[in-house]
Amino acid sequence: MSESVFRVTIRGQFKDLSDESRQYLTRAQPEHDIFVSAYTPEGTFTYDDRILFFNLRYEVRCEGDDPKKQAELHAHKEAESFMRTMKFGHVFRSTTVTDVSEMWN
């Protein structure tokens, strides 16, 4: 069985941000603009300048019985860990999983 490559986009909304978090996000916003983002194994974090909504983008490589589901679960685990570590209150709204290895065949 060959490895599949997925691009996973998790969209969410900030919730109950502390003043400290909001100030950090305001200062760092230019570095997290959607136009400077990419899909990476570590994840790329982007958000709007109003600090309402965000995206996390992951490139996940999987194989097995249901690699698409594995990729989605892996990305969600990474996203939850990131948001918790950064202490950003949030709600995940949607997830899109695209098998880019299908495009290469």
C-alpha atoms as a PDB file:
ATOM      1  CA  MET A   1       0.000   0.000   0.000  1.00  0.00           C
ATOM      2  CA  SER A   2       1.414   3.390  -0.953  1.00  0.00           C
ATOM      3  CA  GLU A   3       1.525   6.481   1.170  1.00  0.00           C
ATOM      4  CA  SER A   4      -1.109   9.156   0.567  1.00  0.00           C
ATOM      5  CA  VAL A   5      -0.524  12.856   1.032  1.00  0.00           C
ATOM      6  CA  PHE A   6      -3.326  15.003   2.403  1.00  0.00           C
ATOM      7  CA  ARG A   7      -3.828  18.702   2.833  1.00  0.00           C
ATOM      8  CA  VAL A   8      -5.985  19.330   5.870  1.00  0.00           C
ATOM      9  CA  THR A   9      -7.518  22.728   6.585  1.00  0.00           C
ATOM     10  CA  ILE A  10      -9.162  23.259   9.949  1.00  0.00           C
ATOM     11  CA  ARG A  11     -11.233  26.423  10.200  1.00  0.00           C
ATOM     12  CA  GLY A  12     -12.247  27.837  13.515  1.00  0.00           C
ATOM     13  CA  GLN A  13     -13.324  30.825  15.523  1.00  0.00           C
ATOM     14  CA  PHE A  14     -11.538  32.410  18.450  1.00  0.00           C
ATOM     15  CA  LYS A  15     -13.486  32.314  21.703  1.00  0.00           C
ATOM     16  CA  ASP A  16     -12.981  34.057  25.038  1.00  0.00           C
ATOM     17  CA  LEU A  17      -9.476  35.321  24.298  1.00  0.00           C
ATOM     18  CA  SER A  18      -7.602  36.900  27.170  1.00  0.00           C
ATOM     19  CA  ASP A  19      -6.327  40.459  26.759  1.00  0.00           C
ATOM     20  CA  GLU A  20      -2.788  39.059  26.619  1.00  0.00           C
ATOM     21  CA  SER A  21      -3.689  36.631  23.811  1.00  0.00           C
ATOM     22  CA  ARG A  22      -5.512  39.318  21.838  1.00  0.00           C
ATOM     23  CA  GLN A  23      -2.534  41.690  22.154  1.00  0.00           C
ATOM     24  CA  TYR A  24      -0.143  38.946  21.020  1.00  0.00           C
ATOM     25  CA  LEU A  25      -2.343  38.085  18.025  1.00  0.00           C
ATOM     26  CA  THR A  26      -2.635  41.758  17.066  1.00  0.00           C
ATOM     27  CA  ARG A  27       1.156  42.217  17.102  1.00  0.00           C
ATOM     28  CA  ALA A  28       1.838  38.952  15.225  1.00  0.00           C
ATOM     29  CA  GLN A  29      -0.936  39.231  12.621  1.00  0.00           C
ATOM     30  CA  PRO A  30       1.282  40.243   9.654  1.00  0.00           C
ATOM     31  CA  GLU A  31       3.248  36.997  10.094  1.00  0.00           C
ATOM     32  CA  HIS A  32       0.033  34.947  10.001  1.00  0.00           C
ATOM     33  CA  ASP A  33      -1.696  36.415   6.978  1.00  0.00           C
ATOM     34  CA  ILE A  34      -3.458  33.917   4.700  1.00  0.00           C
ATOM     35  CA  PHE A  35      -1.307  35.057   1.757  1.00  0.00           C
ATOM     36  CA  VAL A  36       1.931  33.898   3.422  1.00  0.00           C
ATOM     37  CA  SER A  37       0.690  30.478   4.448  1.00  0.00           C
ATOM     38  CA  ALA A  38       1.436  26.971   3.229  1.00  0.00           C
ATOM     39  CA  TYR A  39       0.567  23.387   4.062  1.00  0.00           C
ATOM     40  CA  THR A  40       3.331  21.996   6.277  1.00  0.00           C
ATOM     41  CA  PRO A  41       3.770  18.942   8.512  1.00  0.00           C
ATOM     42  CA  GLU A  42       4.094  21.291  11.517  1.00  0.00           C
ATOM     43  CA  GLY A  43       1.020  23.259  10.548  1.00  0.00           C
ATOM     44  CA  THR A  44       0.545  26.855   9.466  1.00  0.00           C
ATOM     45  CA  PHE A  45      -1.596  29.194  11.539  1.00  0.00           C
ATOM     46  CA  THR A  46      -3.382  32.093   9.845  1.00  0.00           C
ATOM     47  CA  TYR A  47      -6.124  34.424  11.005  1.00  0.00           C
ATOM     48  CA  ASP A  48      -8.048  37.479   9.949  1.00  0.00           C
ATOM     49  CA  ASP A  49      -7.059  40.977  11.039  1.00  0.00           C
ATOM     50  CA  ARG A  50     -10.218  41.285  13.150  1.00  0.00           C
ATOM     51  CA  ILE A  51      -9.015  38.282  15.174  1.00  0.00           C
ATOM     52  CA  LEU A  52     -12.310  36.453  14.796  1.00  0.00           C
ATOM     53  CA  PHE A  53     -11.526  33.436  12.606  1.00  0.00           C
ATOM     54  CA  PHE A  54      -8.468  31.277  11.987  1.00  0.00           C
ATOM     55  CA  ASN A  55      -7.175  28.470   9.774  1.00  0.00           C
ATOM     56  CA  LEU A  56      -4.689  25.752  10.564  1.00  0.00           C
ATOM     57  CA  ARG A  57      -3.174  24.023   7.533  1.00  0.00           C
ATOM     58  CA  TYR A  58      -1.379  20.694   7.680  1.00  0.00           C
ATOM     59  CA  GLU A  59       0.269  18.370   5.202  1.00  0.00           C
ATOM     60  CA  VAL A  60      -0.192  14.834   6.507  1.00  0.00           C
ATOM     61  CA  ARG A  61       1.214  11.635   5.023  1.00  0.00           C
ATOM     62  CA  CYS A  62      -0.625   8.409   5.869  1.00  0.00           C
ATOM     63  CA  GLU A  63      -1.160   4.867   4.714  1.00  0.00           C
ATOM     64  CA  GLY A  64      -3.426   2.108   5.927  1.00  0.00           C
ATOM     65  CA  ASP A  65      -7.081   1.193   5.735  1.00  0.00           C
ATOM     66  CA  ASP A  66      -8.530   4.699   5.975  1.00  0.00           C
ATOM     67  CA  PRO A  67      -5.693   7.174   5.447  1.00  0.00           C
ATOM     68  CA  LYS A  68      -8.039  10.120   4.907  1.00  0.00           C
ATOM     69  CA  LYS A  69      -9.611   9.622   8.344  1.00  0.00           C
ATOM     70  CA  GLN A  70      -6.162   9.118   9.899  1.00  0.00           C
ATOM     71  CA  ALA A  71      -4.986  12.389   8.348  1.00  0.00           C
ATOM     72  CA  GLU A  72      -8.019  14.238   9.700  1.00  0.00           C
ATOM     73  CA  LEU A  73      -7.563  12.824  13.204  1.00  0.00           C
ATOM     74  CA  HIS A  74      -3.841  13.588  13.194  1.00  0.00           C
ATOM     75  CA  ALA A  75      -4.427  17.194  12.101  1.00  0.00           C
ATOM     76  CA  HIS A  76      -7.119  17.707  14.749  1.00  0.00           C
ATOM     77  CA  LYS A  77      -4.817  16.366  17.450  1.00  0.00           C
ATOM     78  CA  GLU A  78      -2.056  18.743  16.304  1.00  0.00           C
ATOM     79  CA  ALA A  79      -4.465  21.689  16.068  1.00  0.00           C
ATOM     80  CA  GLU A  80      -5.888  21.088  19.528  1.00  0.00           C
ATOM     81  CA  SER A  81      -2.393  20.812  20.988  1.00  0.00           C
ATOM     82  CA  PHE A  82      -1.299  24.046  19.304  1.00  0.00           C
ATOM     83  CA  MET A  83      -4.329  26.038  20.426  1.00  0.00           C
ATOM     84  CA  ARG A  84      -4.040  24.712  23.984  1.00  0.00           C
ATOM     85  CA  THR A  85      -0.297  25.453  24.151  1.00  0.00           C
ATOM     86  CA  MET A  86      -0.877  29.002  22.910  1.00  0.00           C
ATOM     87  CA  LYS A  87      -3.828  29.369  25.327  1.00  0.00           C
ATOM     88  CA  PHE A  88      -6.154  30.523  22.539  1.00  0.00           C
ATOM     89  CA  GLY A  89      -9.811  29.888  23.285  1.00  0.00           C
ATOM     90  CA  HIS A  90     -11.440  28.448  20.188  1.00  0.00           C
ATOM     91  CA  VAL A  91     -14.156  26.452  18.492  1.00  0.00           C
ATOM     92  CA  PHE A  92     -13.351  24.349  15.431  1.00  0.00           C
ATOM     93  CA  ARG A  93     -15.989  25.019  12.751  1.00  0.00           C
ATOM     94  CA  SER A  94     -15.049  22.864   9.747  1.00  0.00           C
ATOM     95  CA  THR A  95     -12.403  20.577   8.344  1.00  0.00           C
ATOM     96  CA  THR A  96     -11.468  19.961   4.724  1.00  0.00           C
ATOM     97  CA  VAL A  97      -9.274  17.007   3.777  1.00  0.00           C
ATOM     98  CA  THR A  98      -7.890  16.815   0.239  1.00  0.00           C
ATOM     99  CA  ASP A  99      -5.938  13.835  -1.053  1.00  0.00           C
ATOM    100  CA  VAL A 100      -3.297  15.564  -3.159  1.00  0.00           C
ATOM    101  CA  SER A 101      -1.606  12.276  -4.055  1.00  0.00           C
ATOM    102  CA  GLU A 102      -4.632  11.573  -6.286  1.00  0.00           C
ATOM    103  CA  MET A 103      -3.754  14.690  -8.268  1.00  0.00           C
ATOM    104  CA  TRP A 104      -0.296  13.318  -9.023  1.00  0.00           C
ATOM    105  CA  ASN A 105      -1.578  10.063 -10.571  1.00  0.00           C
END
